Amino acid sequence: MQIPSKTESFRLMSEMKMMEHIVVHSMQVCRVATYLTGYLVAHHNHLNSNLIRSAALLHDITKTRSFNTREDHALTGGQFLTDQGYPEVGDLVRQHVVLDEYSTAKIPVEADIINYADKRVLHDEIVDLDRRLDYILERYAKKAEHRERISLLWEKTKHLENRIFSELPFSPQDLNGILNAEDWSLDLIEYQKVCRRNSDPAGT
């Protein structure tokens, strides 16, 4: 299995010219996903921490261009990463909006973690599912059928949340305070260094 390093993930994000607010959102999703994984791997060593970190960082890799192309960024992001030689990462990215399967099994898998972590981040802030749902409904539910589909998806996400947190020593609400209080700026500084190297590979 090929998994891009953090630096390589930053390089891909830079080359795709991701908008900075989407970069920051992706970093926050990564923080949620890796924090949850750090606890879960103590009990479920089948989880691949590096795979989760990479897919979380890269889950919106084609979203910036999707504003012009109107493409489904989950599908094209997954395909892009598969074409780059990272099919396992691509498969998780493809499922970050809607999972292939909403399992009733107690033990979560990598796709569950990525999908859930994305639902917990509104722009650059870690929020609860209800607040994220309100934003999604306001922005995307222009028709009754859209609202119904999104609400159904959110019910599945709440069940997923219950599955994940049944294995954890803290609550979903605790996560907001824990991670919003931490400084994440070092990741952004590291990303900006990668961007500068990409724009001036000779180092001039």
N, C-alpha and C. Protein backbone atom coordinates (compact mmCIF):
# COMPACT_ATOMS: atom_id res chain seq x y z
N MET A 1 0.84 -1.19 0.00
CA MET A 1 0.00 0.00 0.00
C MET A 1 0.88 1.25 0.00
N GLN A 2 0.62 2.13 -0.94
CA GLN A 2 1.35 3.39 -1.02
C GLN A 2 0.52 4.50 -0.35
N ILE A 3 1.15 5.19 0.61
CA ILE A 3 0.48 6.27 1.33
C ILE A 3 1.39 7.50 1.28
N PRO A 4 0.90 8.63 0.77
CA PRO A 4 1.76 9.81 0.73
C PRO A 4 2.08 10.32 2.13
N SER A 5 3.31 10.78 2.33
CA SER A 5 3.69 11.38 3.60
C SER A 5 2.94 12.70 3.78
N LYS A 6 3.07 13.26 4.94
CA LYS A 6 2.45 14.56 5.20
C LYS A 6 2.99 15.61 4.24
N THR A 7 4.31 15.61 4.02
CA THR A 7 4.91 16.58 3.10
C THR A 7 4.44 16.36 1.68
N GLU A 8 4.34 15.10 1.26
CA GLU A 8 3.86 14.80 -0.08
C GLU A 8 2.39 15.19 -0.22
N SER A 9 1.61 14.99 0.82
CA SER A 9 0.21 15.42 0.79
C SER A 9 0.12 16.93 0.63
N PHE A 10 0.95 17.65 1.35
CA PHE A 10 0.98 19.11 1.21
C PHE A 10 1.39 19.51 -0.20
N ARG A 11 2.33 18.77 -0.79
CA ARG A 11 2.75 19.08 -2.16
C ARG A 11 1.59 18.91 -3.14
N LEU A 12 0.84 17.83 -3.00
CA LEU A 12 -0.30 17.61 -3.87
C LEU A 12 -1.35 18.71 -3.69
N MET A 13 -1.59 19.10 -2.45
CA MET A 13 -2.56 20.16 -2.18
C MET A 13 -2.11 21.47 -2.81
N SER A 14 -0.82 21.74 -2.72
CA SER A 14 -0.27 22.97 -3.30
C SER A 14 -0.39 22.95 -4.83
N GLU A 15 -0.05 21.82 -5.43
CA GLU A 15 -0.09 21.73 -6.89
C GLU A 15 -1.52 21.84 -7.42
N MET A 16 -2.49 21.42 -6.61
CA MET A 16 -3.88 21.54 -7.03
C MET A 16 -4.45 22.94 -6.74
N LYS A 17 -3.59 23.82 -6.19
CA LYS A 17 -3.98 25.21 -5.94
C LYS A 17 -5.27 25.32 -5.11
N MET A 18 -5.28 24.55 -4.05
CA MET A 18 -6.44 24.58 -3.16
C MET A 18 -6.55 25.96 -2.49
N MET A 19 -7.76 26.47 -2.39
CA MET A 19 -7.99 27.72 -1.67
C MET A 19 -7.56 27.54 -0.22
N GLU A 20 -7.01 28.61 0.37
CA GLU A 20 -6.45 28.47 1.70
C GLU A 20 -7.49 28.06 2.73
N HIS A 21 -8.72 28.55 2.61
CA HIS A 21 -9.73 28.17 3.62
C HIS A 21 -10.07 26.68 3.50
N ILE A 22 -9.93 26.11 2.31
CA ILE A 22 -10.17 24.66 2.15
C ILE A 22 -8.98 23.88 2.70
N VAL A 23 -7.79 24.43 2.54
CA VAL A 23 -6.60 23.81 3.15
C VAL A 23 -6.77 23.76 4.67
N VAL A 24 -7.17 24.87 5.26
CA VAL A 24 -7.33 24.93 6.73
C VAL A 24 -8.43 23.97 7.17
N HIS A 25 -9.53 23.95 6.43
CA HIS A 25 -10.60 22.98 6.74
C HIS A 25 -10.04 21.56 6.73
N SER A 26 -9.25 21.23 5.72
CA SER A 26 -8.69 19.88 5.59
C SER A 26 -7.77 19.56 6.76
N MET A 27 -7.01 20.54 7.19
CA MET A 27 -6.13 20.33 8.35
C MET A 27 -6.94 20.07 9.61
N GLN A 28 -8.05 20.76 9.76
CA GLN A 28 -8.90 20.53 10.93
C GLN A 28 -9.55 19.15 10.88
N VAL A 29 -10.00 18.74 9.70
CA VAL A 29 -10.55 17.40 9.55
C VAL A 29 -9.49 16.36 9.92
N CYS A 30 -8.27 16.61 9.50
CA CYS A 30 -7.17 15.70 9.82
C CYS A 30 -6.95 15.65 11.33
N ARG A 31 -7.04 16.78 12.00
CA ARG A 31 -6.84 16.80 13.46
C ARG A 31 -7.92 15.98 14.16
N VAL A 32 -9.17 16.12 13.71
CA VAL A 32 -10.26 15.33 14.31
C VAL A 32 -10.02 13.84 14.06
N ALA A 33 -9.72 13.50 12.82
CA ALA A 33 -9.56 12.09 12.45
C ALA A 33 -8.39 11.45 13.20
N THR A 34 -7.27 12.15 13.29
CA THR A 34 -6.09 11.55 13.93
C THR A 34 -6.27 11.50 15.45
N TYR A 35 -6.99 12.47 16.01
CA TYR A 35 -7.23 12.44 17.45
C TYR A 35 -8.10 11.24 17.82
N LEU A 36 -9.17 11.03 17.07
CA LEU A 36 -10.02 9.88 17.32
C LEU A 36 -9.26 8.57 17.12
N THR A 37 -8.47 8.53 16.05
CA THR A 37 -7.72 7.31 15.74
C THR A 37 -6.71 7.00 16.83
N GLY A 38 -6.10 8.03 17.40
CA GLY A 38 -5.12 7.82 18.45
C GLY A 38 -5.67 7.03 19.61
N TYR A 39 -6.96 7.24 19.92
CA TYR A 39 -7.60 6.47 20.98
C TYR A 39 -8.07 5.10 20.49
N LEU A 40 -8.62 5.08 19.28
CA LEU A 40 -9.22 3.85 18.79
C LEU A 40 -8.18 2.76 18.51
N VAL A 41 -6.98 3.14 18.06
CA VAL A 41 -5.99 2.12 17.72
C VAL A 41 -5.52 1.35 18.95
N ALA A 42 -5.71 1.92 20.12
CA ALA A 42 -5.33 1.19 21.33
C ALA A 42 -6.17 -0.07 21.50
N HIS A 43 -7.38 -0.05 20.93
CA HIS A 43 -8.28 -1.20 21.03
C HIS A 43 -8.46 -1.93 19.71
N HIS A 44 -8.27 -1.18 18.61
CA HIS A 44 -8.53 -1.76 17.28
C HIS A 44 -7.31 -1.50 16.39
N ASN A 45 -6.33 -2.39 16.47
CA ASN A 45 -5.09 -2.12 15.76
C ASN A 45 -5.19 -2.38 14.26
N HIS A 46 -6.42 -2.69 13.77
CA HIS A 46 -6.59 -2.83 12.32
C HIS A 46 -6.64 -1.46 11.64
N LEU A 47 -6.87 -0.40 12.40
CA LEU A 47 -6.91 0.94 11.81
C LEU A 47 -5.52 1.39 11.40
N ASN A 48 -5.41 1.92 10.18
CA ASN A 48 -4.14 2.39 9.65
C ASN A 48 -4.05 3.90 9.87
N SER A 49 -3.28 4.32 10.85
CA SER A 49 -3.20 5.74 11.22
C SER A 49 -2.66 6.60 10.09
N ASN A 50 -1.65 6.11 9.37
CA ASN A 50 -1.08 6.89 8.27
C ASN A 50 -2.07 7.05 7.13
N LEU A 51 -2.81 6.01 6.85
CA LEU A 51 -3.84 6.07 5.80
C LEU A 51 -4.91 7.09 6.17
N ILE A 52 -5.34 7.08 7.40
CA ILE A 52 -6.36 8.03 7.87
C ILE A 52 -5.84 9.45 7.79
N ARG A 53 -4.61 9.68 8.26
CA ARG A 53 -4.04 11.03 8.21
C ARG A 53 -3.99 11.56 6.78
N SER A 54 -3.52 10.73 5.86
CA SER A 54 -3.38 11.16 4.48
C SER A 54 -4.73 11.45 3.83
N ALA A 55 -5.69 10.53 4.01
CA ALA A 55 -7.01 10.72 3.40
C ALA A 55 -7.73 11.94 3.98
N ALA A 56 -7.54 12.19 5.27
CA ALA A 56 -8.16 13.37 5.88
C ALA A 56 -7.59 14.65 5.29
N LEU A 57 -6.28 14.72 5.15
CA LEU A 57 -5.67 15.91 4.56
C LEU A 57 -6.11 16.12 3.11
N LEU A 58 -6.29 15.03 2.38
CA LEU A 58 -6.51 15.12 0.93
C LEU A 58 -7.98 14.97 0.53
N HIS A 59 -8.89 14.94 1.49
CA HIS A 59 -10.27 14.61 1.13
C HIS A 59 -10.91 15.65 0.21
N ASP A 60 -10.46 16.90 0.26
CA ASP A 60 -11.02 17.95 -0.60
C ASP A 60 -10.05 18.37 -1.71
N ILE A 61 -9.23 17.44 -2.17
CA ILE A 61 -8.15 17.77 -3.10
C ILE A 61 -8.66 18.41 -4.41
N THR A 62 -9.84 18.04 -4.87
CA THR A 62 -10.36 18.64 -6.11
C THR A 62 -11.51 19.62 -5.86
N LYS A 63 -11.74 19.99 -4.63
CA LYS A 63 -12.91 20.83 -4.35
C LYS A 63 -12.75 22.24 -4.93
N THR A 64 -11.55 22.81 -4.86
CA THR A 64 -11.36 24.16 -5.38
C THR A 64 -11.76 24.24 -6.84
N ARG A 65 -11.28 23.31 -7.65
CA ARG A 65 -11.62 23.38 -9.08
C ARG A 65 -13.08 23.03 -9.33
N SER A 66 -13.71 22.31 -8.38
CA SER A 66 -15.10 21.91 -8.58
C SER A 66 -16.05 23.11 -8.60
N PHE A 67 -15.62 24.23 -8.03
CA PHE A 67 -16.46 25.42 -8.06
C PHE A 67 -16.68 25.90 -9.49
N ASN A 68 -15.70 25.63 -10.36
CA ASN A 68 -15.84 25.99 -11.77
C ASN A 68 -16.38 24.85 -12.62
N THR A 69 -15.91 23.64 -12.33
CA THR A 69 -16.28 22.50 -13.18
C THR A 69 -17.62 21.88 -12.79
N ARG A 70 -18.07 22.11 -11.54
CA ARG A 70 -19.29 21.50 -10.97
C ARG A 70 -19.16 19.99 -10.84
N GLU A 71 -17.94 19.48 -10.85
CA GLU A 71 -17.72 18.05 -10.69
C GLU A 71 -18.04 17.60 -9.26
N ASP A 72 -18.27 16.31 -9.10
CA ASP A 72 -18.45 15.72 -7.78
C ASP A 72 -17.06 15.54 -7.19
N HIS A 73 -16.69 16.40 -6.24
CA HIS A 73 -15.30 16.42 -5.79
C HIS A 73 -14.90 15.19 -5.00
N ALA A 74 -15.88 14.49 -4.44
CA ALA A 74 -15.55 13.23 -3.75
C ALA A 74 -15.11 12.18 -4.77
N LEU A 75 -15.86 12.07 -5.85
CA LEU A 75 -15.52 11.08 -6.87
C LEU A 75 -14.23 11.44 -7.61
N THR A 76 -14.11 12.70 -8.01
CA THR A 76 -12.92 13.07 -8.78
C THR A 76 -11.68 13.13 -7.90
N GLY A 77 -11.86 13.50 -6.62
CA GLY A 77 -10.73 13.47 -5.70
C GLY A 77 -10.22 12.06 -5.51
N GLY A 78 -11.15 11.12 -5.35
CA GLY A 78 -10.75 9.73 -5.22
C GLY A 78 -10.03 9.22 -6.45
N GLN A 79 -10.54 9.58 -7.63
CA GLN A 79 -9.91 9.14 -8.87
C GLN A 79 -8.54 9.79 -9.05
N PHE A 80 -8.44 11.06 -8.72
CA PHE A 80 -7.16 11.76 -8.84
C PHE A 80 -6.08 11.06 -8.01
N LEU A 81 -6.41 10.70 -6.77
CA LEU A 81 -5.42 10.07 -5.90
C LEU A 81 -5.11 8.65 -6.35
N THR A 82 -6.10 7.97 -6.89
CA THR A 82 -5.84 6.64 -7.47
C THR A 82 -4.87 6.77 -8.64
N ASP A 83 -5.09 7.76 -9.49
CA ASP A 83 -4.20 7.99 -10.63
C ASP A 83 -2.79 8.37 -10.20
N GLN A 84 -2.67 8.97 -9.02
CA GLN A 84 -1.36 9.34 -8.49
C GLN A 84 -0.63 8.15 -7.86
N GLY A 85 -1.30 7.01 -7.80
CA GLY A 85 -0.68 5.81 -7.24
C GLY A 85 -1.08 5.52 -5.81
N TYR A 86 -2.18 6.15 -5.36
CA TYR A 86 -2.64 5.97 -3.99
C TYR A 86 -4.10 5.50 -3.97
N PRO A 87 -4.39 4.29 -4.48
CA PRO A 87 -5.78 3.85 -4.59
C PRO A 87 -6.49 3.70 -3.26
N GLU A 88 -5.79 3.26 -2.22
CA GLU A 88 -6.44 3.09 -0.92
C GLU A 88 -6.83 4.44 -0.33
N VAL A 89 -5.97 5.43 -0.50
CA VAL A 89 -6.32 6.79 -0.06
C VAL A 89 -7.50 7.31 -0.88
N GLY A 90 -7.42 7.07 -2.19
CA GLY A 90 -8.49 7.51 -3.09
C GLY A 90 -9.84 6.92 -2.73
N ASP A 91 -9.84 5.67 -2.29
CA ASP A 91 -11.10 5.02 -1.94
C ASP A 91 -11.73 5.69 -0.72
N LEU A 92 -10.92 6.09 0.25
CA LEU A 92 -11.45 6.78 1.43
C LEU A 92 -11.95 8.17 1.05
N VAL A 93 -11.21 8.86 0.21
CA VAL A 93 -11.62 10.21 -0.23
C VAL A 93 -12.95 10.13 -0.98
N ARG A 94 -13.11 9.12 -1.80
CA ARG A 94 -14.35 8.94 -2.56
C ARG A 94 -15.56 8.82 -1.64
N GLN A 95 -15.36 8.28 -0.44
CA GLN A 95 -16.46 8.04 0.49
C GLN A 95 -16.61 9.12 1.56
N HIS A 96 -15.91 10.24 1.43
CA HIS A 96 -15.94 11.18 2.55
C HIS A 96 -17.27 11.95 2.65
N VAL A 97 -18.05 11.99 1.59
CA VAL A 97 -19.36 12.64 1.66
C VAL A 97 -20.44 11.61 2.01
N VAL A 98 -20.45 10.49 1.30
CA VAL A 98 -21.41 9.42 1.54
C VAL A 98 -20.65 8.10 1.56
N LEU A 99 -20.82 7.33 2.61
CA LEU A 99 -20.15 6.04 2.72
C LEU A 99 -20.80 5.02 1.80
N ASP A 100 -19.99 4.09 1.31
CA ASP A 100 -20.55 2.98 0.54
C ASP A 100 -21.50 2.15 1.40
N GLU A 101 -21.15 2.01 2.67
CA GLU A 101 -21.96 1.21 3.59
C GLU A 101 -21.97 1.85 4.97
N TYR A 102 -23.15 1.99 5.54
CA TYR A 102 -23.28 2.46 6.92
C TYR A 102 -23.52 1.23 7.78
N SER A 103 -22.43 0.68 8.25
CA SER A 103 -22.46 -0.59 8.96
C SER A 103 -23.06 -0.43 10.36
N THR A 104 -23.59 -1.51 10.86
CA THR A 104 -24.06 -1.54 12.25
C THR A 104 -23.02 -2.18 13.16
N ALA A 105 -21.89 -2.59 12.59
CA ALA A 105 -20.83 -3.19 13.39
C ALA A 105 -20.28 -2.16 14.37
N LYS A 106 -19.90 -2.61 15.54
CA LYS A 106 -19.42 -1.71 16.58
C LYS A 106 -18.08 -1.09 16.22
N ILE A 107 -17.22 -1.88 15.59
CA ILE A 107 -15.85 -1.44 15.33
C ILE A 107 -15.80 -0.60 14.06
N PRO A 108 -15.36 0.66 14.13
CA PRO A 108 -15.29 1.51 12.94
C PRO A 108 -14.10 1.15 12.06
N VAL A 109 -14.21 1.51 10.80
CA VAL A 109 -13.11 1.33 9.85
C VAL A 109 -12.63 2.71 9.40
N GLU A 110 -11.57 2.75 8.60
CA GLU A 110 -10.97 4.02 8.20
C GLU A 110 -11.96 4.95 7.50
N ALA A 111 -12.77 4.39 6.60
CA ALA A 111 -13.74 5.23 5.88
C ALA A 111 -14.72 5.91 6.84
N ASP A 112 -15.11 5.20 7.89
CA ASP A 112 -16.01 5.78 8.90
C ASP A 112 -15.38 7.01 9.54
N ILE A 113 -14.10 6.89 9.90
CA ILE A 113 -13.41 7.98 10.59
C ILE A 113 -13.31 9.22 9.71
N ILE A 114 -12.92 9.02 8.44
CA ILE A 114 -12.79 10.17 7.52
C ILE A 114 -14.14 10.83 7.30
N ASN A 115 -15.16 10.05 7.03
CA ASN A 115 -16.49 10.58 6.77
C ASN A 115 -17.00 11.37 7.97
N TYR A 116 -16.84 10.80 9.15
CA TYR A 116 -17.33 11.46 10.36
C TYR A 116 -16.53 12.73 10.66
N ALA A 117 -15.23 12.67 10.55
CA ALA A 117 -14.39 13.84 10.85
C ALA A 117 -14.76 15.03 9.98
N ASP A 118 -15.05 14.77 8.71
CA ASP A 118 -15.44 15.86 7.81
C ASP A 118 -16.75 16.49 8.25
N LYS A 119 -17.66 15.67 8.79
CA LYS A 119 -18.96 16.19 9.22
C LYS A 119 -18.84 17.05 10.49
N ARG A 120 -17.70 16.97 11.17
CA ARG A 120 -17.52 17.70 12.42
C ARG A 120 -16.81 19.04 12.23
N VAL A 121 -16.44 19.39 11.01
CA VAL A 121 -15.69 20.64 10.79
C VAL A 121 -16.47 21.56 9.86
N LEU A 122 -16.80 22.73 10.36
CA LEU A 122 -17.46 23.77 9.58
C LEU A 122 -16.43 24.85 9.30
N HIS A 123 -16.05 24.96 8.04
CA HIS A 123 -14.95 25.86 7.65
C HIS A 123 -13.69 25.48 8.44
N ASP A 124 -13.28 26.30 9.41
CA ASP A 124 -12.06 25.98 10.17
C ASP A 124 -12.38 25.66 11.63
N GLU A 125 -13.67 25.48 11.95
CA GLU A 125 -14.08 25.28 13.34
C GLU A 125 -14.66 23.89 13.54
N ILE A 126 -14.28 23.26 14.63
CA ILE A 126 -14.82 21.96 14.99
C ILE A 126 -16.13 22.20 15.74
N VAL A 127 -17.21 21.65 15.19
CA VAL A 127 -18.54 21.91 15.71
C VAL A 127 -19.28 20.58 15.90
N ASP A 128 -20.47 20.64 16.51
CA ASP A 128 -21.25 19.41 16.66
C ASP A 128 -22.04 19.15 15.38
N LEU A 129 -22.59 17.95 15.28
CA LEU A 129 -23.29 17.55 14.06
C LEU A 129 -24.50 18.42 13.76
N ASP A 130 -25.21 18.86 14.77
CA ASP A 130 -26.41 19.68 14.54
C ASP A 130 -26.07 21.00 13.88
N ARG A 131 -25.00 21.63 14.35
CA ARG A 131 -24.62 22.91 13.75
C ARG A 131 -24.15 22.73 12.31
N ARG A 132 -23.41 21.66 12.07
CA ARG A 132 -22.95 21.38 10.70
C ARG A 132 -24.15 21.09 9.80
N LEU A 133 -25.14 20.37 10.32
CA LEU A 133 -26.33 20.08 9.54
C LEU A 133 -27.08 21.35 9.18
N ASP A 134 -27.22 22.26 10.12
CA ASP A 134 -27.91 23.52 9.85
C ASP A 134 -27.26 24.25 8.68
N TYR A 135 -25.93 24.25 8.66
CA TYR A 135 -25.21 24.92 7.58
C TYR A 135 -25.47 24.22 6.25
N ILE A 136 -25.39 22.89 6.24
CA ILE A 136 -25.58 22.13 5.01
C ILE A 136 -26.99 22.34 4.47
N LEU A 137 -27.98 22.31 5.35
CA LEU A 137 -29.36 22.50 4.91
C LEU A 137 -29.57 23.89 4.33
N GLU A 138 -29.00 24.90 4.98
CA GLU A 138 -29.15 26.27 4.49
C GLU A 138 -28.50 26.46 3.13
N ARG A 139 -27.35 25.82 2.96
CA ARG A 139 -26.58 26.05 1.74
C ARG A 139 -27.02 25.17 0.57
N TYR A 140 -27.37 23.91 0.86
CA TYR A 140 -27.57 22.95 -0.23
C TYR A 140 -28.99 22.41 -0.36
N ALA A 141 -29.84 22.60 0.64
CA ALA A 141 -31.18 22.02 0.58
C ALA A 141 -32.18 23.01 0.02
N LYS A 142 -32.08 23.28 -1.28
CA LYS A 142 -32.98 24.24 -1.91
C LYS A 142 -34.34 23.62 -2.22
N LYS A 143 -34.38 22.30 -2.34
CA LYS A 143 -35.62 21.61 -2.65
C LYS A 143 -35.96 20.63 -1.52
N ALA A 144 -37.24 20.28 -1.42
CA ALA A 144 -37.69 19.40 -0.35
C ALA A 144 -36.99 18.05 -0.41
N GLU A 145 -36.79 17.53 -1.63
CA GLU A 145 -36.13 16.22 -1.75
C GLU A 145 -34.67 16.28 -1.32
N HIS A 146 -34.03 17.44 -1.54
CA HIS A 146 -32.65 17.60 -1.08
C HIS A 146 -32.62 17.59 0.45
N ARG A 147 -33.55 18.30 1.05
CA ARG A 147 -33.60 18.37 2.51
C ARG A 147 -33.85 16.99 3.11
N GLU A 148 -34.73 16.24 2.49
CA GLU A 148 -35.03 14.89 2.98
C GLU A 148 -33.81 13.98 2.87
N ARG A 149 -33.11 14.06 1.75
CA ARG A 149 -31.94 13.21 1.54
C ARG A 149 -30.83 13.56 2.52
N ILE A 150 -30.60 14.84 2.73
CA ILE A 150 -29.54 15.27 3.66
C ILE A 150 -29.90 14.87 5.09
N SER A 151 -31.15 15.04 5.47
CA SER A 151 -31.57 14.69 6.83
C SER A 151 -31.42 13.20 7.09
N LEU A 152 -31.74 12.39 6.09
CA LEU A 152 -31.57 10.94 6.22
C LEU A 152 -30.10 10.58 6.38
N LEU A 153 -29.26 11.24 5.59
CA LEU A 153 -27.82 11.01 5.69
C LEU A 153 -27.32 11.38 7.08
N TRP A 154 -27.87 12.45 7.64
CA TRP A 154 -27.42 12.89 8.96
C TRP A 154 -27.84 11.92 10.06
N GLU A 155 -28.98 11.30 9.89
CA GLU A 155 -29.39 10.28 10.86
C GLU A 155 -28.40 9.13 10.85
N LYS A 156 -27.94 8.75 9.66
CA LYS A 156 -26.94 7.69 9.56
C LYS A 156 -25.63 8.14 10.20
N THR A 157 -25.29 9.42 10.04
CA THR A 157 -24.07 9.94 10.62
C THR A 157 -24.14 9.95 12.14
N LYS A 158 -25.31 10.25 12.69
CA LYS A 158 -25.47 10.23 14.15
C LYS A 158 -25.31 8.81 14.70
N HIS A 159 -25.80 7.83 13.96
CA HIS A 159 -25.58 6.44 14.37
C HIS A 159 -24.09 6.10 14.31
N LEU A 160 -23.42 6.61 13.28
CA LEU A 160 -21.98 6.41 13.16
C LEU A 160 -21.25 7.05 14.35
N GLU A 161 -21.67 8.24 14.72
CA GLU A 161 -21.08 8.91 15.88
C GLU A 161 -21.23 8.07 17.14
N ASN A 162 -22.41 7.51 17.34
CA ASN A 162 -22.63 6.67 18.51
C ASN A 162 -21.71 5.45 18.50
N ARG A 163 -21.52 4.86 17.33
CA ARG A 163 -20.62 3.71 17.22
C ARG A 163 -19.19 4.09 17.58
N ILE A 164 -18.73 5.21 17.04
CA ILE A 164 -17.35 5.62 17.29
C ILE A 164 -17.13 5.95 18.76
N PHE A 165 -18.03 6.74 19.34
CA PHE A 165 -17.81 7.22 20.70
C PHE A 165 -18.14 6.19 21.77
N SER A 166 -18.78 5.11 21.39
CA SER A 166 -18.97 4.02 22.35
C SER A 166 -17.64 3.39 22.74
N GLU A 167 -16.61 3.68 21.91
CA GLU A 167 -15.27 3.12 22.15
C GLU A 167 -14.33 4.13 22.79
N LEU A 168 -14.82 5.33 23.08
CA LEU A 168 -13.93 6.41 23.50
C LEU A 168 -14.25 6.89 24.92
N PRO A 169 -13.23 7.44 25.62
CA PRO A 169 -13.44 7.90 27.00
C PRO A 169 -13.91 9.35 27.11
N PHE A 170 -14.38 9.93 26.01
CA PHE A 170 -14.89 11.30 26.03
C PHE A 170 -16.08 11.37 25.08
N SER A 171 -16.83 12.46 25.16
CA SER A 171 -18.07 12.60 24.39
C SER A 171 -17.82 13.40 23.11
N PRO A 172 -18.77 13.36 22.17
CA PRO A 172 -18.65 14.20 20.98
C PRO A 172 -18.52 15.68 21.32
N GLN A 173 -19.22 16.12 22.37
CA GLN A 173 -19.15 17.54 22.76
C GLN A 173 -17.77 17.89 23.31
N ASP A 174 -17.14 16.96 23.99
CA ASP A 174 -15.80 17.21 24.52
C ASP A 174 -14.80 17.50 23.41
N LEU A 175 -15.01 16.88 22.27
CA LEU A 175 -14.06 17.02 21.15
C LEU A 175 -13.94 18.47 20.71
N ASN A 176 -15.06 19.19 20.68
CA ASN A 176 -15.03 20.61 20.28
C ASN A 176 -14.04 21.39 21.14
N GLY A 177 -14.21 21.29 22.44
CA GLY A 177 -13.37 22.05 23.36
C GLY A 177 -11.91 21.64 23.32
N ILE A 178 -11.67 20.32 23.24
CA ILE A 178 -10.30 19.82 23.25
C ILE A 178 -9.52 20.34 22.05
N LEU A 179 -10.08 20.19 20.87
CA LEU A 179 -9.32 20.51 19.66
C LEU A 179 -9.39 21.98 19.27
N ASN A 180 -10.51 22.65 19.56
CA ASN A 180 -10.57 24.08 19.25
C ASN A 180 -9.63 24.90 20.12
N ALA A 181 -9.26 24.35 21.27
CA ALA A 181 -8.37 25.06 22.18
C ALA A 181 -6.90 24.88 21.81
N GLU A 182 -6.60 23.96 20.91
CA GLU A 182 -5.21 23.69 20.54
C GLU A 182 -4.79 24.55 19.36
N ASP A 183 -3.51 24.83 19.30
CA ASP A 183 -2.95 25.64 18.21
C ASP A 183 -2.61 24.73 17.03
N TRP A 184 -3.20 25.01 15.88
CA TRP A 184 -2.93 24.20 14.70
C TRP A 184 -2.11 24.96 13.66
N SER A 185 -1.59 26.14 14.02
CA SER A 185 -0.94 27.01 13.03
C SER A 185 0.37 26.43 12.49
N LEU A 186 1.03 25.54 13.23
CA LEU A 186 2.29 24.98 12.75
C LEU A 186 2.09 24.18 11.46
N ASP A 187 0.97 23.49 11.35
CA ASP A 187 0.67 22.76 10.12
C ASP A 187 0.54 23.71 8.94
N LEU A 188 -0.12 24.84 9.16
CA LEU A 188 -0.29 25.81 8.08
C LEU A 188 1.05 26.39 7.68
N ILE A 189 1.91 26.67 8.64
CA ILE A 189 3.25 27.18 8.34
C ILE A 189 4.04 26.16 7.51
N GLU A 190 3.94 24.89 7.90
CA GLU A 190 4.63 23.83 7.16
C GLU A 190 4.09 23.74 5.73
N TYR A 191 2.78 23.84 5.59
CA TYR A 191 2.17 23.80 4.26
C TYR A 191 2.66 24.97 3.40
N GLN A 192 2.71 26.15 3.99
CA GLN A 192 3.14 27.33 3.24
C GLN A 192 4.59 27.21 2.78
N LYS A 193 5.43 26.54 3.57
CA LYS A 193 6.81 26.29 3.16
C LYS A 193 6.85 25.39 1.93
N VAL A 194 6.00 24.37 1.93
CA VAL A 194 5.92 23.47 0.77
C VAL A 194 5.46 24.25 -0.45
N CYS A 195 4.49 25.13 -0.29
CA CYS A 195 4.01 25.96 -1.40
C CYS A 195 5.14 26.81 -1.97
N ARG A 196 5.95 27.37 -1.09
CA ARG A 196 7.05 28.22 -1.57
C ARG A 196 8.07 27.38 -2.34
N ARG A 197 8.34 26.18 -1.85
CA ARG A 197 9.28 25.32 -2.56
C ARG A 197 8.73 24.93 -3.93
N ASN A 198 7.42 24.71 -4.00
CA ASN A 198 6.81 24.36 -5.29
C ASN A 198 6.88 25.50 -6.28
N SER A 199 6.70 26.72 -5.79
CA SER A 199 6.71 27.87 -6.68
C SER A 199 8.12 28.29 -7.09
N ASP A 200 9.12 27.85 -6.31
CA ASP A 200 10.51 28.18 -6.60
C ASP A 200 11.40 26.96 -6.32
N PRO A 201 11.26 25.91 -7.17
CA PRO A 201 11.98 24.66 -6.91
C PRO A 201 13.48 24.80 -6.88
N ALA A 202 14.01 25.84 -7.55
CA ALA A 202 15.46 26.05 -7.54
C ALA A 202 15.95 26.72 -6.27
N GLY A 203 14.99 27.21 -5.47
CA GLY A 203 15.35 27.87 -4.21
C GLY A 203 15.96 29.23 -4.39
N THR A 204 15.61 29.91 -5.48
CA THR A 204 16.19 31.23 -5.71
C THR A 204 15.40 32.29 -4.98
